[in-house]
Amino acid sequence: MGCPAVDLVRLFVTCLSGKDRRRYWVALIEEFYGYLVEEVGDKEMPFTLEQLKESYYRFLPMGAFMIMQSIGPLFDGLCKNPDELQKAKSLAVVTEKTESAG
């Protein structure tokens, strides 16, 4: 099993606003861990909830930076959108994610 914190960082940075990510990351990780415990069943868990939180916290800056590499092509594509209203909305979302990535 790999480190699920890497997947959680990618998911949260790409799917949540910076505000929501900072507000809900602990609750979301706790929820994820609960599902993981159910899935593992009576087997021993390979890590604790606190270890998962620590891994997430430590990987967040690097993971967010890695995801930011795709922002350039995304901005380029968005700027070519002929629908001005949709372009403005999309650029606002991408800008917020870029400014609050870490």
PDB file of N, CA and C in Angstrom:
ATOM      1  N   MET A   1       0.851  -1.178   0.000  1.00  0.00           N
ATOM      2  CA  MET A   1       0.000   0.000   0.000  1.00  0.00           C
ATOM      3  C   MET A   1       0.893   1.236   0.000  1.00  0.00           C
ATOM      4  N   GLY A   2       0.589   2.176  -0.878  1.00  0.00           N
ATOM      5  CA  GLY A   2       1.314   3.442  -0.910  1.00  0.00           C
ATOM      6  C   GLY A   2       0.816   4.365   0.188  1.00  0.00           C
ATOM      7  N   CYS A   3       1.295   5.572   0.162  1.00  0.00           N
ATOM      8  CA  CYS A   3       0.888   6.562   1.161  1.00  0.00           C
ATOM      9  C   CYS A   3      -0.383   7.267   0.688  1.00  0.00           C
ATOM     10  N   PRO A   4      -1.503   7.033   1.343  1.00  0.00           N
ATOM     11  CA  PRO A   4      -2.749   7.660   0.906  1.00  0.00           C
ATOM     12  C   PRO A   4      -2.752   9.177   1.070  1.00  0.00           C
ATOM     13  N   ALA A   5      -1.858   9.711   1.883  1.00  0.00           N
ATOM     14  CA  ALA A   5      -1.801  11.164   2.049  1.00  0.00           C
ATOM     15  C   ALA A   5      -1.478  11.845   0.722  1.00  0.00           C
ATOM     16  N   VAL A   6      -0.678  11.196  -0.115  1.00  0.00           N
ATOM     17  CA  VAL A   6      -0.346  11.753  -1.430  1.00  0.00           C
ATOM     18  C   VAL A   6      -1.622  11.900  -2.260  1.00  0.00           C
ATOM     19  N   ASP A   7      -2.442  10.871  -2.265  1.00  0.00           N
ATOM     20  CA  ASP A   7      -3.703  10.924  -3.011  1.00  0.00           C
ATOM     21  C   ASP A   7      -4.650  11.971  -2.431  1.00  0.00           C
ATOM     22  N   LEU A   8      -4.691  12.073  -1.106  1.00  0.00           N
ATOM     23  CA  LEU A   8      -5.581  13.050  -0.472  1.00  0.00           C
ATOM     24  C   LEU A   8      -5.150  14.480  -0.790  1.00  0.00           C
ATOM     25  N   VAL A   9      -3.844  14.732  -0.795  1.00  0.00           N
ATOM     26  CA  VAL A   9      -3.355  16.065  -1.164  1.00  0.00           C
ATOM     27  C   VAL A   9      -3.788  16.401  -2.585  1.00  0.00           C
ATOM     28  N   ARG A  10      -3.566  15.485  -3.499  1.00  0.00           N
ATOM     29  CA  ARG A  10      -3.958  15.733  -4.895  1.00  0.00           C
ATOM     30  C   ARG A  10      -5.461  15.989  -5.006  1.00  0.00           C
ATOM     31  N   LEU A  11      -6.243  15.190  -4.327  1.00  0.00           N
ATOM     32  CA  LEU A  11      -7.695  15.338  -4.372  1.00  0.00           C
ATOM     33  C   LEU A  11      -8.139  16.676  -3.788  1.00  0.00           C
ATOM     34  N   PHE A  12      -7.647  17.000  -2.606  1.00  0.00           N
ATOM     35  CA  PHE A  12      -8.091  18.217  -1.928  1.00  0.00           C
ATOM     36  C   PHE A  12      -7.635  19.481  -2.655  1.00  0.00           C
ATOM     37  N   VAL A  13      -6.390  19.491  -3.153  1.00  0.00           N
ATOM     38  CA  VAL A  13      -5.883  20.683  -3.836  1.00  0.00           C
ATOM     39  C   VAL A  13      -6.629  20.926  -5.142  1.00  0.00           C
ATOM     40  N   THR A  14      -6.973  19.862  -5.843  1.00  0.00           N
ATOM     41  CA  THR A  14      -7.636  20.043  -7.135  1.00  0.00           C
ATOM     42  C   THR A  14      -9.148  20.221  -7.018  1.00  0.00           C
ATOM     43  N   CYS A  15      -9.761  19.660  -6.002  1.00  0.00           N
ATOM     44  CA  CYS A  15     -11.232  19.657  -5.937  1.00  0.00           C
ATOM     45  C   CYS A  15     -11.834  20.636  -4.941  1.00  0.00           C
ATOM     46  N   LEU A  16     -11.051  21.135  -4.017  1.00  0.00           N
ATOM     47  CA  LEU A  16     -11.581  22.051  -3.005  1.00  0.00           C
ATOM     48  C   LEU A  16     -10.986  23.438  -3.175  1.00  0.00           C
ATOM     49  N   SER A  17     -11.737  24.434  -2.775  1.00  0.00           N
ATOM     50  CA  SER A  17     -11.155  25.779  -2.713  1.00  0.00           C
ATOM     51  C   SER A  17     -10.138  25.782  -1.576  1.00  0.00           C
ATOM     52  N   GLY A  18      -9.237  26.740  -1.614  1.00  0.00           N
ATOM     53  CA  GLY A  18      -8.260  26.836  -0.533  1.00  0.00           C
ATOM     54  C   GLY A  18      -8.937  27.011   0.817  1.00  0.00           C
ATOM     55  N   LYS A  19      -9.986  27.824   0.844  1.00  0.00           N
ATOM     56  CA  LYS A  19     -10.732  28.067   2.084  1.00  0.00           C
ATOM     57  C   LYS A  19     -11.348  26.769   2.609  1.00  0.00           C
ATOM     58  N   ASP A  20     -12.015  26.021   1.730  1.00  0.00           N
ATOM     59  CA  ASP A  20     -12.643  24.767   2.160  1.00  0.00           C
ATOM     60  C   ASP A  20     -11.602  23.720   2.544  1.00  0.00           C
ATOM     61  N   ARG A  21     -10.500  23.681   1.817  1.00  0.00           N
ATOM     62  CA  ARG A  21      -9.451  22.706   2.139  1.00  0.00           C
ATOM     63  C   ARG A  21      -8.896  22.972   3.533  1.00  0.00           C
ATOM     64  N   ARG A  22      -8.604  24.231   3.821  1.00  0.00           N
ATOM     65  CA  ARG A  22      -8.070  24.557   5.152  1.00  0.00           C
ATOM     66  C   ARG A  22      -9.107  24.316   6.246  1.00  0.00           C
ATOM     67  N   ARG A  23     -10.360  24.546   5.955  1.00  0.00           N
ATOM     68  CA  ARG A  23     -11.421  24.393   6.953  1.00  0.00           C
ATOM     69  C   ARG A  23     -11.740  22.920   7.232  1.00  0.00           C
ATOM     70  N   TYR A  24     -11.750  22.081   6.192  1.00  0.00           N
ATOM     71  CA  TYR A  24     -12.288  20.728   6.331  1.00  0.00           C
ATOM     72  C   TYR A  24     -11.272  19.595   6.224  1.00  0.00           C
ATOM     73  N   TRP A  25      -9.983  19.884   6.035  1.00  0.00           N
ATOM     74  CA  TRP A  25      -9.049  18.795   5.777  1.00  0.00           C
ATOM     75  C   TRP A  25      -9.022  17.767   6.905  1.00  0.00           C
ATOM     76  N   VAL A  26      -9.077  18.211   8.136  1.00  0.00           N
ATOM     77  CA  VAL A  26      -9.022  17.260   9.256  1.00  0.00           C
ATOM     78  C   VAL A  26     -10.252  16.355   9.246  1.00  0.00           C
ATOM     79  N   ALA A  27     -11.419  16.937   9.120  1.00  0.00           N
ATOM     80  CA  ALA A  27     -12.653  16.136   9.107  1.00  0.00           C
ATOM     81  C   ALA A  27     -12.682  15.173   7.922  1.00  0.00           C
ATOM     82  N   LEU A  28     -12.215  15.623   6.768  1.00  0.00           N
ATOM     83  CA  LEU A  28     -12.205  14.752   5.588  1.00  0.00           C
ATOM     84  C   LEU A  28     -11.226  13.593   5.749  1.00  0.00           C
ATOM     85  N   ILE A  29     -10.065  13.865   6.326  1.00  0.00           N
ATOM     86  CA  ILE A  29      -9.100  12.787   6.560  1.00  0.00           C
ATOM     87  C   ILE A  29      -9.649  11.805   7.587  1.00  0.00           C
ATOM     88  N   GLU A  30     -10.296  12.310   8.628  1.00  0.00           N
ATOM     89  CA  GLU A  30     -10.892  11.416   9.624  1.00  0.00           C
ATOM     90  C   GLU A  30     -11.974  10.544   8.992  1.00  0.00           C
ATOM     91  N   GLU A  31     -12.779  11.122   8.120  1.00  0.00           N
ATOM     92  CA  GLU A  31     -13.817  10.359   7.418  1.00  0.00           C
ATOM     93  C   GLU A  31     -13.188   9.285   6.527  1.00  0.00           C
ATOM     94  N   PHE A  32     -12.168   9.662   5.776  1.00  0.00           N
ATOM     95  CA  PHE A  32     -11.460   8.712   4.918  1.00  0.00           C
ATOM     96  C   PHE A  32     -10.878   7.568   5.747  1.00  0.00           C
ATOM     97  N   TYR A  33     -10.264   7.915   6.870  1.00  0.00           N
ATOM     98  CA  TYR A  33      -9.644   6.895   7.718  1.00  0.00           C
ATOM     99  C   TYR A  33     -10.700   5.918   8.238  1.00  0.00           C
ATOM    100  N   GLY A  34     -11.861   6.427   8.581  1.00  0.00           N
ATOM    101  CA  GLY A  34     -12.947   5.554   9.030  1.00  0.00           C
ATOM    102  C   GLY A  34     -13.338   4.539   7.968  1.00  0.00           C
ATOM    103  N   TYR A  35     -13.447   4.998   6.716  1.00  0.00           N
ATOM    104  CA  TYR A  35     -13.759   4.073   5.616  1.00  0.00           C
ATOM    105  C   TYR A  35     -12.635   3.064   5.416  1.00  0.00           C
ATOM    106  N   LEU A  36     -11.410   3.523   5.566  1.00  0.00           N
ATOM    107  CA  LEU A  36     -10.263   2.629   5.407  1.00  0.00           C
ATOM    108  C   LEU A  36     -10.254   1.556   6.491  1.00  0.00           C
ATOM    109  N   VAL A  37     -10.565   1.936   7.719  1.00  0.00           N
ATOM    110  CA  VAL A  37     -10.647   0.969   8.822  1.00  0.00           C
ATOM    111  C   VAL A  37     -11.710  -0.084   8.517  1.00  0.00           C
ATOM    112  N   GLU A  38     -12.860   0.351   8.013  1.00  0.00           N
ATOM    113  CA  GLU A  38     -13.916  -0.600   7.635  1.00  0.00           C
ATOM    114  C   GLU A  38     -13.427  -1.562   6.563  1.00  0.00           C
ATOM    115  N   GLU A  39     -12.719  -1.038   5.589  1.00  0.00           N
ATOM    116  CA  GLU A  39     -12.239  -1.861   4.474  1.00  0.00           C
ATOM    117  C   GLU A  39     -11.189  -2.873   4.935  1.00  0.00           C
ATOM    118  N   VAL A  40     -10.326  -2.460   5.834  1.00  0.00           N
ATOM    119  CA  VAL A  40      -9.267  -3.344   6.335  1.00  0.00           C
ATOM    120  C   VAL A  40      -9.861  -4.445   7.207  1.00  0.00           C
ATOM    121  N   GLY A  41     -10.955  -4.131   7.869  1.00  0.00           N
ATOM    122  CA  GLY A  41     -11.639  -5.136   8.685  1.00  0.00           C
ATOM    123  C   GLY A  41     -10.843  -5.519   9.914  1.00  0.00           C
ATOM    124  N   ASP A  42     -10.665  -6.824  10.112  1.00  0.00           N
ATOM    125  CA  ASP A  42      -9.986  -7.297  11.323  1.00  0.00           C
ATOM    126  C   ASP A  42      -8.472  -7.356  11.173  1.00  0.00           C
ATOM    127  N   LYS A  43      -7.958  -6.918  10.043  1.00  0.00           N
ATOM    128  CA  LYS A  43      -6.503  -6.877   9.851  1.00  0.00           C
ATOM    129  C   LYS A  43      -5.935  -5.650  10.556  1.00  0.00           C
ATOM    130  N   GLU A  44      -4.633  -5.684  10.772  1.00  0.00           N
ATOM    131  CA  GLU A  44      -3.967  -4.566  11.436  1.00  0.00           C
ATOM    132  C   GLU A  44      -3.820  -3.386  10.473  1.00  0.00           C
ATOM    133  N   MET A  45      -4.152  -2.203  10.951  1.00  0.00           N
ATOM    134  CA  MET A  45      -3.987  -0.996  10.137  1.00  0.00           C
ATOM    135  C   MET A  45      -2.493  -0.709   9.967  1.00  0.00           C
ATOM    136  N   PRO A  46      -2.076  -0.343   8.760  1.00  0.00           N
ATOM    137  CA  PRO A  46      -0.653  -0.089   8.529  1.00  0.00           C
ATOM    138  C   PRO A  46      -0.168   1.247   9.092  1.00  0.00           C
ATOM    139  N   PHE A  47      -1.089   2.123   9.492  1.00  0.00           N
ATOM    140  CA  PHE A  47      -0.728   3.419  10.057  1.00  0.00           C
ATOM    141  C   PHE A  47      -1.904   3.938  10.877  1.00  0.00           C
ATOM    142  N   THR A  48      -1.598   4.873  11.758  1.00  0.00           N
ATOM    143  CA  THR A  48      -2.635   5.461  12.608  1.00  0.00           C
ATOM    144  C   THR A  48      -3.234   6.696  11.929  1.00  0.00           C
ATOM    145  N   LEU A  49      -4.335   7.156  12.476  1.00  0.00           N
ATOM    146  CA  LEU A  49      -4.954   8.381  11.984  1.00  0.00           C
ATOM    147  C   LEU A  49      -3.985   9.549  12.127  1.00  0.00           C
ATOM    148  N   GLU A  50      -3.304   9.619  13.243  1.00  0.00           N
ATOM    149  CA  GLU A  50      -2.355  10.722  13.457  1.00  0.00           C
ATOM    150  C   GLU A  50      -1.204  10.666  12.457  1.00  0.00           C
ATOM    151  N   GLN A  51      -0.744   9.474  12.111  1.00  0.00           N
ATOM    152  CA  GLN A  51       0.313   9.353  11.101  1.00  0.00           C
ATOM    153  C   GLN A  51      -0.189   9.818   9.733  1.00  0.00           C
ATOM    154  N   LEU A  52      -1.434   9.508   9.416  1.00  0.00           N
ATOM    155  CA  LEU A  52      -2.010   9.948   8.148  1.00  0.00           C
ATOM    156  C   LEU A  52      -2.111  11.472   8.107  1.00  0.00           C
ATOM    157  N   LYS A  53      -2.572  12.073   9.195  1.00  0.00           N
ATOM    158  CA  LYS A  53      -2.662  13.537   9.252  1.00  0.00           C
ATOM    159  C   LYS A  53      -1.282  14.176   9.102  1.00  0.00           C
ATOM    160  N   GLU A  54      -0.299  13.619   9.788  1.00  0.00           N
ATOM    161  CA  GLU A  54       1.067  14.152   9.711  1.00  0.00           C
ATOM    162  C   GLU A  54       1.632  14.012   8.299  1.00  0.00           C
ATOM    163  N   SER A  55       1.384  12.880   7.664  1.00  0.00           N
ATOM    164  CA  SER A  55       1.854  12.672   6.288  1.00  0.00           C
ATOM    165  C   SER A  55       1.207  13.671   5.341  1.00  0.00           C
ATOM    166  N   TYR A  56      -0.082  13.894   5.497  1.00  0.00           N
ATOM    167  CA  TYR A  56      -0.795  14.876   4.669  1.00  0.00           C
ATOM    168  C   TYR A  56      -0.177  16.255   4.861  1.00  0.00           C
ATOM    169  N   TYR A  57      -0.006  16.653   6.109  1.00  0.00           N
ATOM    170  CA  TYR A  57       0.507  17.979   6.427  1.00  0.00           C
ATOM    171  C   TYR A  57       1.906  18.186   5.852  1.00  0.00           C
ATOM    172  N   ARG A  58       2.736  17.144   5.929  1.00  0.00           N
ATOM    173  CA  ARG A  58       4.109  17.247   5.426  1.00  0.00           C
ATOM    174  C   ARG A  58       4.168  17.243   3.900  1.00  0.00           C
ATOM    175  N   PHE A  59       3.284  16.491   3.252  1.00  0.00           N
ATOM    176  CA  PHE A  59       3.329  16.389   1.796  1.00  0.00           C
ATOM    177  C   PHE A  59       2.605  17.540   1.097  1.00  0.00           C
ATOM    178  N   LEU A  60       1.724  18.232   1.788  1.00  0.00           N
ATOM    179  CA  LEU A  60       0.906  19.271   1.158  1.00  0.00           C
ATOM    180  C   LEU A  60       1.716  20.294   0.357  1.00  0.00           C
ATOM    181  N   PRO A  61       2.769  20.902   0.895  1.00  0.00           N
ATOM    182  CA  PRO A  61       3.491  21.902   0.086  1.00  0.00           C
ATOM    183  C   PRO A  61       4.067  21.318  -1.205  1.00  0.00           C
ATOM    184  N   MET A  62       4.700  20.167  -1.124  1.00  0.00           N
ATOM    185  CA  MET A  62       5.293  19.567  -2.313  1.00  0.00           C
ATOM    186  C   MET A  62       4.212  19.100  -3.287  1.00  0.00           C
ATOM    187  N   GLY A  63       3.175  18.480  -2.770  1.00  0.00           N
ATOM    188  CA  GLY A  63       2.098  17.995  -3.625  1.00  0.00           C
ATOM    189  C   GLY A  63       1.387  19.124  -4.335  1.00  0.00           C
ATOM    190  N   ALA A  64       1.142  20.214  -3.625  1.00  0.00           N
ATOM    191  CA  ALA A  64       0.494  21.370  -4.249  1.00  0.00           C
ATOM    192  C   ALA A  64       1.395  21.954  -5.330  1.00  0.00           C
ATOM    193  N   PHE A  65       2.687  22.019  -5.055  1.00  0.00           N
ATOM    194  CA  PHE A  65       3.634  22.526  -6.051  1.00  0.00           C
ATOM    195  C   PHE A  65       3.633  21.644  -7.298  1.00  0.00           C
ATOM    196  N   MET A  66       3.599  20.343  -7.108  1.00  0.00           N
ATOM    197  CA  MET A  66       3.590  19.423  -8.246  1.00  0.00           C
ATOM    198  C   MET A  66       2.331  19.615  -9.096  1.00  0.00           C
ATOM    199  N   ILE A  67       1.220  19.849  -8.463  1.00  0.00           N
ATOM    200  CA  ILE A  67      -0.035  20.053  -9.189  1.00  0.00           C
ATOM    201  C   ILE A  67      -0.019  21.388  -9.931  1.00  0.00           C
ATOM    202  N   MET A  68       0.666  22.377  -9.378  1.00  0.00           N
ATOM    203  CA  MET A  68       0.697  23.697  -9.998  1.00  0.00           C
ATOM    204  C   MET A  68       1.355  23.679 -11.380  1.00  0.00           C
ATOM    205  N   GLN A  69       2.139  22.652 -11.680  1.00  0.00           N
ATOM    206  CA  GLN A  69       2.767  22.556 -13.001  1.00  0.00           C
ATOM    207  C   GLN A  69       1.730  22.484 -14.113  1.00  0.00           C
ATOM    208  N   SER A  70       0.560  21.991 -13.798  1.00  0.00           N
ATOM    209  CA  SER A  70      -0.484  21.869 -14.823  1.00  0.00           C
ATOM    210  C   SER A  70      -1.315  23.141 -14.961  1.00  0.00           C
ATOM    211  N   ILE A  71      -1.077  24.115 -14.118  1.00  0.00           N
ATOM    212  CA  ILE A  71      -1.880  25.336 -14.136  1.00  0.00           C
ATOM    213  C   ILE A  71      -1.611  26.166 -15.393  1.00  0.00           C
ATOM    214  N   GLY A  72      -0.357  26.235 -15.851  1.00  0.00           N
ATOM    215  CA  GLY A  72      -0.027  27.019 -17.045  1.00  0.00           C
ATOM    216  C   GLY A  72      -0.853  26.612 -18.250  1.00  0.00           C
ATOM    217  N   PRO A  73      -0.819  25.328 -18.627  1.00  0.00           N
ATOM    218  CA  PRO A  73      -1.651  24.901 -19.760  1.00  0.00           C
ATOM    219  C   PRO A  73      -3.149  25.111 -19.509  1.00  0.00           C
ATOM    220  N   LEU A  74      -3.575  24.975 -18.261  1.00  0.00           N
ATOM    221  CA  LEU A  74      -4.986  25.198 -17.939  1.00  0.00           C
ATOM    222  C   LEU A  74      -5.370  26.663 -18.173  1.00  0.00           C
ATOM    223  N   PHE A  75      -4.532  27.592 -17.682  1.00  0.00           N
ATOM    224  CA  PHE A  75      -4.775  29.013 -17.922  1.00  0.00           C
ATOM    225  C   PHE A  75      -4.832  29.309 -19.421  1.00  0.00           C
ATOM    226  N   ASP A  76      -3.902  28.731 -20.166  1.00  0.00           N
ATOM    227  CA  ASP A  76      -3.858  28.957 -21.606  1.00  0.00           C
ATOM    228  C   ASP A  76      -5.173  28.536 -22.261  1.00  0.00           C
ATOM    229  N   GLY A  77      -5.635  27.353 -21.906  1.00  0.00           N
ATOM    230  CA  GLY A  77      -6.892  26.862 -22.465  1.00  0.00           C
ATOM    231  C   GLY A  77      -8.084  27.711 -22.058  1.00  0.00           C
ATOM    232  N   LEU A  78      -8.099  28.132 -20.800  1.00  0.00           N
ATOM    233  CA  LEU A  78      -9.215  28.954 -20.317  1.00  0.00           C
ATOM    234  C   LEU A  78      -9.264  30.312 -21.013  1.00  0.00           C
ATOM    235  N   CYS A  79      -8.099  30.881 -21.258  1.00  0.00           N
ATOM    236  CA  CYS A  79      -8.053  32.200 -21.906  1.00  0.00           C
ATOM    237  C   CYS A  79      -8.566  32.156 -23.342  1.00  0.00           C
ATOM    238  N   LYS A  80      -8.572  30.995 -23.940  1.00  0.00           N
ATOM    239  CA  LYS A  80      -9.054  30.851 -25.316  1.00  0.00           C
ATOM    240  C   LYS A  80     -10.551  30.564 -25.385  1.00  0.00           C
ATOM    241  N   ASN A  81     -11.203  30.459 -24.246  1.00  0.00           N
ATOM    242  CA  ASN A  81     -12.639  30.183 -24.208  1.00  0.00           C
ATOM    243  C   ASN A  81     -13.400  31.402 -24.732  1.00  0.00           C
ATOM    244  N   PRO A  82     -14.223  31.228 -25.773  1.00  0.00           N
ATOM    245  CA  PRO A  82     -14.959  32.377 -26.318  1.00  0.00           C
ATOM    246  C   PRO A  82     -16.097  32.877 -25.419  1.00  0.00           C
ATOM    247  N   ASP A  83     -16.555  32.048 -24.490  1.00  0.00           N
ATOM    248  CA  ASP A  83     -17.629  32.448 -23.574  1.00  0.00           C
ATOM    249  C   ASP A  83     -17.013  33.272 -22.442  1.00  0.00           C
ATOM    250  N   GLU A  84     -17.170  34.583 -22.509  1.00  0.00           N
ATOM    251  CA  GLU A  84     -16.514  35.484 -21.553  1.00  0.00           C
ATOM    252  C   GLU A  84     -16.951  35.251 -20.107  1.00  0.00           C
ATOM    253  N   LEU A  85     -18.219  34.973 -19.889  1.00  0.00           N
ATOM    254  CA  LEU A  85     -18.711  34.734 -18.533  1.00  0.00           C
ATOM    255  C   LEU A  85     -18.097  33.462 -17.959  1.00  0.00           C
ATOM    256  N   GLN A  86     -18.103  32.387 -18.732  1.00  0.00           N
ATOM    257  CA  GLN A  86     -17.514  31.126 -18.274  1.00  0.00           C
ATOM    258  C   GLN A  86     -16.014  31.281 -18.078  1.00  0.00           C
ATOM    259  N   LYS A  87     -15.362  32.019 -18.974  1.00  0.00           N
ATOM    260  CA  LYS A  87     -13.923  32.247 -18.849  1.00  0.00           C
ATOM    261  C   LYS A  87     -13.614  32.963 -17.535  1.00  0.00           C
ATOM    262  N   ALA A  88     -14.376  33.997 -17.216  1.00  0.00           N
ATOM    263  CA  ALA A  88     -14.153  34.753 -15.984  1.00  0.00           C
ATOM    264  C   ALA A  88     -14.351  33.876 -14.752  1.00  0.00           C
ATOM    265  N   LYS A  89     -15.402  33.056 -14.748  1.00  0.00           N
ATOM    266  CA  LYS A  89     -15.654  32.156 -13.611  1.00  0.00           C
ATOM    267  C   LYS A  89     -14.519  31.149 -13.458  1.00  0.00           C
ATOM    268  N   SER A  90     -14.125  30.544 -14.562  1.00  0.00           N
ATOM    269  CA  SER A  90     -13.073  29.522 -14.525  1.00  0.00           C
ATOM    270  C   SER A  90     -11.741  30.115 -14.095  1.00  0.00           C
ATOM    271  N   LEU A  91     -11.405  31.285 -14.626  1.00  0.00           N
ATOM    272  CA  LEU A  91     -10.150  31.928 -14.246  1.00  0.00           C
ATOM    273  C   LEU A  91     -10.146  32.302 -12.767  1.00  0.00           C
ATOM    274  N   ALA A  92     -11.286  32.711 -12.232  1.00  0.00           N
ATOM    275  CA  ALA A  92     -11.372  33.034 -10.803  1.00  0.00           C
ATOM    276  C   ALA A  92     -11.109  31.795  -9.949  1.00  0.00           C
ATOM    277  N   VAL A  93     -11.667  30.658 -10.347  1.00  0.00           N
ATOM    278  CA  VAL A  93     -11.456  29.410  -9.605  1.00  0.00           C
ATOM    279  C   VAL A  93      -9.991  28.998  -9.661  1.00  0.00           C
ATOM    280  N   VAL A  94      -9.409  29.023 -10.843  1.00  0.00           N
ATOM    281  CA  VAL A  94      -8.011  28.608 -10.996  1.00  0.00           C
ATOM    282  C   VAL A  94      -7.082  29.566 -10.257  1.00  0.00           C
ATOM    283  N   THR A  95      -7.368  30.856 -10.314  1.00  0.00           N
ATOM    284  CA  THR A  95      -6.549  31.833  -9.600  1.00  0.00           C
ATOM    285  C   THR A  95      -6.608  31.589  -8.097  1.00  0.00           C
ATOM    286  N   GLU A  96      -7.790  31.330  -7.571  1.00  0.00           N
ATOM    287  CA  GLU A  96      -7.928  31.053  -6.133  1.00  0.00           C
ATOM    288  C   GLU A  96      -7.123  29.821  -5.752  1.00  0.00           C
ATOM    289  N   LYS A  97      -7.175  28.780  -6.548  1.00  0.00           N
ATOM    290  CA  LYS A  97      -6.432  27.558  -6.250  1.00  0.00           C
ATOM    291  C   LYS A  97      -4.930  27.819  -6.289  1.00  0.00           C
ATOM    292  N   THR A  98      -4.489  28.631  -7.245  1.00  0.00           N
ATOM    293  CA  THR A  98      -3.069  28.945  -7.365  1.00  0.00           C
ATOM    294  C   THR A  98      -2.591  29.752  -6.167  1.00  0.00           C
ATOM    295  N   GLU A  99      -3.369  30.729  -5.752  1.00  0.00           N
ATOM    296  CA  GLU A  99      -2.970  31.588  -4.641  1.00  0.00           C
ATOM    297  C   GLU A  99      -2.993  30.873  -3.297  1.00  0.00           C
ATOM    298  N   SER A 100      -3.813  29.850  -3.158  1.00  0.00           N
ATOM    299  CA  SER A 100      -3.952  29.184  -1.856  1.00  0.00           C
ATOM    300  C   SER A 100      -3.479  27.740  -1.895  1.00  0.00           C
ATOM    301  N   ALA A 101      -2.584  27.414  -2.815  1.00  0.00           N
ATOM    302  CA  ALA A 101      -2.177  26.017  -2.998  1.00  0.00           C
ATOM    303  C   ALA A 101      -1.457  25.448  -1.790  1.00  0.00           C
ATOM    304  N   GLY A 102      -0.706  26.195  -1.092  1.00  0.00           N
ATOM    305  CA  GLY A 102       0.111  25.634  -0.027  1.00  0.00           C
ATOM    306  C   GLY A 102      -0.445  25.722   1.326  1.00  0.00           C
TER     307      GLY A 102
END
